[in-house]
Amino acid sequence: MERSTLDELKAHLMATDEEFRRLADQHALFKRQVEELEARPHLSEHEKMEEVRLKKLKLRLKDQMTEILSRHRAQQTV
């Protein structure tokens, strides 16, 4: 799918799909938290574990968002 078309679909889903919007908001929150941890010069063991946990959660959310995008793309081609 062309990048602009994908961006348009994401924008459409953000405006119309509550689940997609919730997943995107949560993904953005986890992304900010990971970036905050990565900006620190040193992490404690607890912080390292939290970073790994957040990255896994972020990836799970991205997978769920990708699934929603795939469903909508399939509906558009039918």
N, C-alpha and C. Protein backbone atom coordinates (compact mmCIF):
# COMPACT_ATOMS: atom_id res chain seq x y z
N MET A 1 0.85 -1.18 0.00
CA MET A 1 0.00 0.00 0.00
C MET A 1 0.89 1.23 0.00
N GLU A 2 0.52 2.20 -0.78
CA GLU A 2 1.24 3.45 -0.86
C GLU A 2 1.23 4.15 0.49
N ARG A 3 2.33 4.83 0.81
CA ARG A 3 2.49 5.47 2.12
C ARG A 3 1.37 6.49 2.39
N SER A 4 1.05 7.32 1.41
CA SER A 4 0.02 8.34 1.64
C SER A 4 -1.34 7.69 1.87
N THR A 5 -1.61 6.60 1.16
CA THR A 5 -2.88 5.89 1.34
C THR A 5 -2.94 5.28 2.74
N LEU A 6 -1.82 4.72 3.18
CA LEU A 6 -1.77 4.14 4.52
C LEU A 6 -1.97 5.22 5.57
N ASP A 7 -1.33 6.36 5.39
CA ASP A 7 -1.49 7.47 6.33
C ASP A 7 -2.94 7.95 6.36
N GLU A 8 -3.57 7.99 5.19
CA GLU A 8 -4.98 8.41 5.11
C GLU A 8 -5.87 7.41 5.85
N LEU A 9 -5.59 6.12 5.69
CA LEU A 9 -6.38 5.10 6.38
C LEU A 9 -6.19 5.21 7.89
N LYS A 10 -4.95 5.42 8.33
CA LYS A 10 -4.70 5.59 9.77
C LYS A 10 -5.46 6.80 10.31
N ALA A 11 -5.42 7.90 9.57
CA ALA A 11 -6.13 9.11 10.01
C ALA A 11 -7.63 8.85 10.06
N HIS A 12 -8.14 8.13 9.08
CA HIS A 12 -9.57 7.80 9.06
C HIS A 12 -9.93 6.94 10.29
N LEU A 13 -9.11 5.94 10.57
CA LEU A 13 -9.38 5.06 11.71
C LEU A 13 -9.25 5.82 13.04
N MET A 14 -8.31 6.74 13.13
CA MET A 14 -8.18 7.54 14.35
C MET A 14 -9.45 8.35 14.59
N ALA A 15 -10.08 8.78 13.51
CA ALA A 15 -11.28 9.61 13.63
C ALA A 15 -12.55 8.79 13.83
N THR A 16 -12.54 7.53 13.37
CA THR A 16 -13.80 6.78 13.34
C THR A 16 -13.82 5.49 14.15
N ASP A 17 -12.65 4.97 14.52
CA ASP A 17 -12.59 3.66 15.17
C ASP A 17 -12.06 3.81 16.59
N GLU A 18 -12.93 3.64 17.56
CA GLU A 18 -12.57 3.82 18.98
C GLU A 18 -11.45 2.88 19.40
N GLU A 19 -11.51 1.62 18.99
CA GLU A 19 -10.49 0.64 19.36
C GLU A 19 -9.13 1.04 18.79
N PHE A 20 -9.09 1.41 17.52
CA PHE A 20 -7.83 1.81 16.89
C PHE A 20 -7.25 3.03 17.60
N ARG A 21 -8.09 4.01 17.90
CA ARG A 21 -7.66 5.22 18.60
C ARG A 21 -7.11 4.89 19.98
N ARG A 22 -7.78 4.01 20.70
CA ARG A 22 -7.31 3.60 22.03
C ARG A 22 -5.95 2.92 21.94
N LEU A 23 -5.81 2.01 20.96
CA LEU A 23 -4.53 1.31 20.78
C LEU A 23 -3.42 2.29 20.41
N ALA A 24 -3.72 3.23 19.52
CA ALA A 24 -2.72 4.22 19.09
C ALA A 24 -2.30 5.12 20.25
N ASP A 25 -3.24 5.53 21.06
CA ASP A 25 -2.93 6.37 22.22
C ASP A 25 -2.05 5.63 23.21
N GLN A 26 -2.38 4.38 23.47
CA GLN A 26 -1.59 3.57 24.40
C GLN A 26 -0.19 3.33 23.82
N HIS A 27 -0.10 3.06 22.52
CA HIS A 27 1.18 2.85 21.85
C HIS A 27 2.05 4.11 21.99
N ALA A 28 1.46 5.28 21.79
CA ALA A 28 2.20 6.54 21.91
C ALA A 28 2.70 6.75 23.34
N LEU A 29 1.89 6.39 24.32
CA LEU A 29 2.29 6.51 25.71
C LEU A 29 3.49 5.61 26.01
N PHE A 30 3.41 4.35 25.59
CA PHE A 30 4.52 3.42 25.82
C PHE A 30 5.78 3.89 25.09
N LYS A 31 5.60 4.44 23.89
CA LYS A 31 6.75 4.94 23.12
C LYS A 31 7.45 6.05 23.89
N ARG A 32 6.68 6.99 24.44
CA ARG A 32 7.27 8.08 25.23
C ARG A 32 8.00 7.53 26.45
N GLN A 33 7.41 6.54 27.12
CA GLN A 33 8.04 5.97 28.31
C GLN A 33 9.35 5.27 27.94
N VAL A 34 9.37 4.56 26.83
CA VAL A 34 10.61 3.89 26.37
C VAL A 34 11.66 4.94 26.05
N GLU A 35 11.26 6.00 25.34
CA GLU A 35 12.21 7.06 24.99
C GLU A 35 12.80 7.71 26.23
N GLU A 36 11.98 7.90 27.26
CA GLU A 36 12.48 8.47 28.51
C GLU A 36 13.53 7.56 29.14
N LEU A 37 13.25 6.26 29.13
CA LEU A 37 14.22 5.32 29.69
C LEU A 37 15.50 5.29 28.86
N GLU A 38 15.36 5.29 27.54
CA GLU A 38 16.52 5.23 26.66
C GLU A 38 17.38 6.49 26.76
N ALA A 39 16.80 7.59 27.18
CA ALA A 39 17.54 8.86 27.30
C ALA A 39 18.43 8.88 28.54
N ARG A 40 18.19 7.99 29.46
CA ARG A 40 18.99 7.96 30.69
C ARG A 40 20.35 7.33 30.39
N PRO A 41 21.40 7.85 31.03
CA PRO A 41 22.73 7.29 30.77
C PRO A 41 22.91 5.87 31.33
N HIS A 42 22.24 5.58 32.43
CA HIS A 42 22.34 4.26 33.05
C HIS A 42 20.97 3.85 33.59
N LEU A 43 20.68 2.57 33.45
CA LEU A 43 19.41 2.05 33.96
C LEU A 43 19.67 1.03 35.05
N SER A 44 18.82 1.05 36.07
CA SER A 44 18.88 0.01 37.09
C SER A 44 18.32 -1.28 36.48
N GLU A 45 18.49 -2.37 37.15
CA GLU A 45 17.95 -3.64 36.66
C GLU A 45 16.43 -3.56 36.50
N HIS A 46 15.79 -2.93 37.47
CA HIS A 46 14.34 -2.76 37.40
C HIS A 46 13.95 -1.93 36.17
N GLU A 47 14.69 -0.86 35.91
CA GLU A 47 14.40 -0.01 34.76
C GLU A 47 14.64 -0.75 33.44
N LYS A 48 15.68 -1.59 33.40
CA LYS A 48 15.94 -2.39 32.20
C LYS A 48 14.78 -3.36 31.95
N MET A 49 14.30 -3.98 33.01
CA MET A 49 13.17 -4.91 32.87
C MET A 49 11.92 -4.15 32.43
N GLU A 50 11.71 -2.96 32.95
CA GLU A 50 10.57 -2.14 32.57
C GLU A 50 10.67 -1.74 31.10
N GLU A 51 11.86 -1.42 30.64
CA GLU A 51 12.05 -1.07 29.24
C GLU A 51 11.68 -2.24 28.33
N VAL A 52 12.11 -3.43 28.67
CA VAL A 52 11.79 -4.62 27.88
C VAL A 52 10.28 -4.86 27.90
N ARG A 53 9.67 -4.73 29.07
CA ARG A 53 8.23 -4.93 29.20
C ARG A 53 7.45 -3.93 28.33
N LEU A 54 7.85 -2.68 28.39
CA LEU A 54 7.17 -1.65 27.60
C LEU A 54 7.33 -1.89 26.10
N LYS A 55 8.51 -2.32 25.69
CA LYS A 55 8.74 -2.60 24.27
C LYS A 55 7.87 -3.75 23.79
N LYS A 56 7.71 -4.76 24.62
CA LYS A 56 6.84 -5.89 24.26
C LYS A 56 5.38 -5.46 24.17
N LEU A 57 4.94 -4.65 25.12
CA LEU A 57 3.57 -4.15 25.08
C LEU A 57 3.34 -3.27 23.86
N LYS A 58 4.32 -2.43 23.55
CA LYS A 58 4.23 -1.54 22.40
C LYS A 58 4.13 -2.35 21.11
N LEU A 59 4.92 -3.41 21.01
CA LEU A 59 4.88 -4.27 19.83
C LEU A 59 3.54 -4.99 19.71
N ARG A 60 3.00 -5.45 20.82
CA ARG A 60 1.68 -6.10 20.80
C ARG A 60 0.61 -5.14 20.30
N LEU A 61 0.66 -3.90 20.76
CA LEU A 61 -0.30 -2.89 20.31
C LEU A 61 -0.13 -2.61 18.82
N LYS A 62 1.11 -2.53 18.37
CA LYS A 62 1.35 -2.29 16.94
C LYS A 62 0.79 -3.44 16.11
N ASP A 63 0.97 -4.67 16.58
CA ASP A 63 0.40 -5.83 15.88
C ASP A 63 -1.12 -5.74 15.80
N GLN A 64 -1.75 -5.33 16.89
CA GLN A 64 -3.21 -5.20 16.91
C GLN A 64 -3.66 -4.10 15.95
N MET A 65 -2.93 -2.99 15.91
CA MET A 65 -3.27 -1.91 14.99
C MET A 65 -3.08 -2.35 13.54
N THR A 66 -2.03 -3.11 13.28
CA THR A 66 -1.77 -3.63 11.93
C THR A 66 -2.89 -4.56 11.50
N GLU A 67 -3.40 -5.35 12.42
CA GLU A 67 -4.52 -6.25 12.11
C GLU A 67 -5.76 -5.45 11.72
N ILE A 68 -6.05 -4.40 12.44
CA ILE A 68 -7.20 -3.55 12.12
C ILE A 68 -6.99 -2.91 10.74
N LEU A 69 -5.79 -2.41 10.48
CA LEU A 69 -5.50 -1.82 9.17
C LEU A 69 -5.70 -2.86 8.06
N SER A 70 -5.23 -4.07 8.28
CA SER A 70 -5.38 -5.13 7.28
C SER A 70 -6.84 -5.44 7.00
N ARG A 71 -7.64 -5.50 8.06
CA ARG A 71 -9.08 -5.76 7.88
C ARG A 71 -9.73 -4.66 7.04
N HIS A 72 -9.39 -3.42 7.33
CA HIS A 72 -9.98 -2.30 6.60
C HIS A 72 -9.51 -2.27 5.15
N ARG A 73 -8.24 -2.61 4.92
CA ARG A 73 -7.74 -2.66 3.54
C ARG A 73 -8.47 -3.75 2.76
N ALA A 74 -8.68 -4.89 3.42
CA ALA A 74 -9.39 -6.00 2.76
C ALA A 74 -10.81 -5.61 2.42
N GLN A 75 -11.47 -4.88 3.30
CA GLN A 75 -12.84 -4.43 3.04
C GLN A 75 -12.89 -3.43 1.89
N GLN A 76 -11.85 -2.63 1.74
CA GLN A 76 -11.82 -1.64 0.66
C GLN A 76 -11.62 -2.28 -0.70
N THR A 77 -10.96 -3.43 -0.73
CA THR A 77 -10.69 -4.08 -2.01
C THR A 77 -11.81 -5.01 -2.42
N VAL A 78 -12.77 -5.27 -1.55
CA VAL A 78 -13.88 -6.16 -1.88
C VAL A 78 -14.95 -5.43 -2.64
